[in-house]
Amino acid sequence: MKYQRGVSLNALMIGGAAVGVLALLFMKVAPEYMEYGNVVKAVKSTAGDTSLKDASVAQVRTAYSKRAEIDNIKSLDAKDLDITKEGGELVISFAYTRKVPLFKNVSLVFDFEGASNK
């Protein structure tokens, strides 16, 4: 007596639905984390710029705005940056929230924060 082996239609449909949901989550979440990476890179490079060591807050915000425009950063505006000096070193910190709609009334909310000295 030989038994058939393979995947049933029900298992294939359930597995396909699970893969679809995971793909939807990935496609919605990945761009937010990639933009967060760009924000961190722009903040750290602005804080590390030696020409801004004795610059005013407005000059630092302008320098960040230029980097944000190049990297197409839309989530964090220059006015949302917290700019301080610690031990003669420029420290830029930020925090922002992003709401990502999935479908109908279901959304994901992300709280991003970081600083140039971390």
Protein backbone atom coordinates (compact mmCIF):
# COMPACT_ATOMS: atom_id res chain seq x y z
CA MET A 1 0.00 0.00 0.00
CA LYS A 2 1.45 3.35 -1.05
CA TYR A 3 0.53 6.65 0.57
CA GLN A 4 0.48 9.89 -1.33
CA ARG A 5 2.76 12.62 -0.10
CA GLY A 6 2.48 16.33 -0.67
CA VAL A 7 0.69 19.44 0.44
CA SER A 8 -3.08 19.57 0.59
CA LEU A 9 -5.01 22.47 -0.94
CA ASN A 10 -6.06 23.71 2.52
CA ALA A 11 -2.48 23.81 3.78
CA LEU A 12 -1.38 25.58 0.60
CA MET A 13 -4.10 28.26 1.01
CA ILE A 14 -3.31 28.84 4.71
CA GLY A 15 0.41 29.01 4.01
CA GLY A 16 -0.14 31.44 1.12
CA ALA A 17 -2.29 33.69 3.31
CA ALA A 18 0.38 33.70 6.04
CA VAL A 19 3.09 34.59 3.52
CA GLY A 20 0.85 37.35 2.15
CA VAL A 21 0.31 38.90 5.59
CA LEU A 22 4.04 38.78 6.34
CA ALA A 23 4.83 40.36 2.97
CA LEU A 24 2.32 43.16 3.66
CA LEU A 25 3.90 43.86 7.05
CA PHE A 26 7.39 43.88 5.58
CA MET A 27 6.42 46.25 2.74
CA LYS A 28 4.80 48.68 5.19
CA VAL A 29 7.44 48.55 7.95
CA ALA A 30 10.71 48.37 5.99
CA PRO A 31 10.54 51.92 4.53
CA GLU A 32 10.02 53.40 8.01
CA TYR A 33 13.13 51.69 9.38
CA MET A 34 15.14 52.65 6.31
CA GLU A 35 14.13 56.29 6.80
CA TYR A 36 15.06 56.04 10.50
CA GLY A 37 18.50 54.84 9.41
CA ASN A 38 18.80 57.86 7.12
CA VAL A 39 17.76 60.17 9.97
CA VAL A 40 20.42 58.70 12.28
CA LYS A 41 23.04 59.02 9.55
CA ALA A 42 22.10 62.66 8.84
CA VAL A 43 22.07 63.58 12.54
CA LYS A 44 25.45 61.94 13.23
CA SER A 45 27.09 63.48 10.18
CA THR A 46 25.70 66.92 11.07
CA ALA A 47 26.97 66.62 14.65
CA GLY A 48 30.34 65.36 13.43
CA ASP A 49 30.83 68.22 10.99
CA THR A 50 33.85 70.16 12.24
CA SER A 51 32.74 73.36 10.53
CA LEU A 52 29.69 73.45 12.85
CA LYS A 53 31.67 73.22 16.09
CA ASP A 54 31.01 76.86 17.03
CA ALA A 55 27.88 77.32 14.92
CA SER A 56 24.56 78.66 16.13
CA VAL A 57 21.48 76.47 16.52
CA ALA A 58 20.02 77.97 13.33
CA GLN A 59 23.15 77.05 11.36
CA VAL A 60 23.03 73.47 12.67
CA ARG A 61 19.36 73.18 11.72
CA THR A 62 20.15 74.48 8.23
CA ALA A 63 22.97 71.95 7.83
CA TYR A 64 20.64 69.13 8.90
CA SER A 65 17.92 70.38 6.52
CA LYS A 66 20.32 70.16 3.60
CA ARG A 67 21.27 66.59 4.48
CA ALA A 68 17.62 65.65 5.04
CA GLU A 69 16.69 67.02 1.63
CA ILE A 70 19.41 64.98 -0.05
CA ASP A 71 18.35 61.79 1.76
CA ASN A 72 14.62 62.53 1.19
CA ILE A 73 13.80 62.54 4.91
CA LYS A 74 10.17 63.56 5.47
CA SER A 75 9.54 62.29 9.01
CA LEU A 76 11.79 64.62 10.99
CA ASP A 77 12.00 68.34 10.38
CA ALA A 78 14.96 70.45 11.51
CA LYS A 79 12.80 72.32 14.03
CA ASP A 80 12.16 69.00 15.85
CA LEU A 81 15.85 68.52 16.71
CA ASP A 82 17.13 69.08 20.25
CA ILE A 83 20.56 70.67 19.86
CA THR A 84 22.92 71.00 22.84
CA LYS A 85 26.61 71.10 23.62
CA GLU A 86 28.13 68.66 26.07
CA GLY A 87 31.79 69.05 26.93
CA GLY A 88 32.39 71.27 23.92
CA GLU A 89 30.88 68.64 21.62
CA LEU A 90 27.72 69.20 19.57
CA VAL A 91 24.96 66.75 20.55
CA ILE A 92 21.81 66.42 18.45
CA SER A 93 18.93 64.30 19.72
CA PHE A 94 15.52 63.59 18.25
CA ALA A 95 12.30 61.69 18.83
CA TYR A 96 9.34 61.22 16.53
CA THR A 97 6.33 58.96 16.03
CA ARG A 98 5.18 57.37 12.79
CA LYS A 99 1.75 55.81 12.23
CA VAL A 100 1.63 53.25 9.43
CA PRO A 101 -1.85 52.26 8.24
CA LEU A 102 -2.17 48.58 7.34
CA PHE A 103 -5.80 48.21 6.29
CA LYS A 104 -9.13 49.80 7.27
CA ASN A 105 -8.82 50.80 10.95
CA VAL A 106 -5.66 48.79 11.74
CA SER A 107 -2.39 50.70 12.06
CA LEU A 108 1.08 50.27 13.48
CA VAL A 109 2.66 53.04 15.56
CA PHE A 110 6.43 53.40 15.83
CA ASP A 111 8.27 55.64 18.31
CA PHE A 112 11.75 56.43 17.03
CA GLU A 113 14.40 58.25 19.02
CA GLY A 114 18.13 58.70 18.88
CA ALA A 115 21.06 61.01 19.42
CA SER A 116 24.34 61.80 17.73
CA ASN A 117 26.42 60.64 20.72
CA LYS A 118 25.00 57.09 20.87
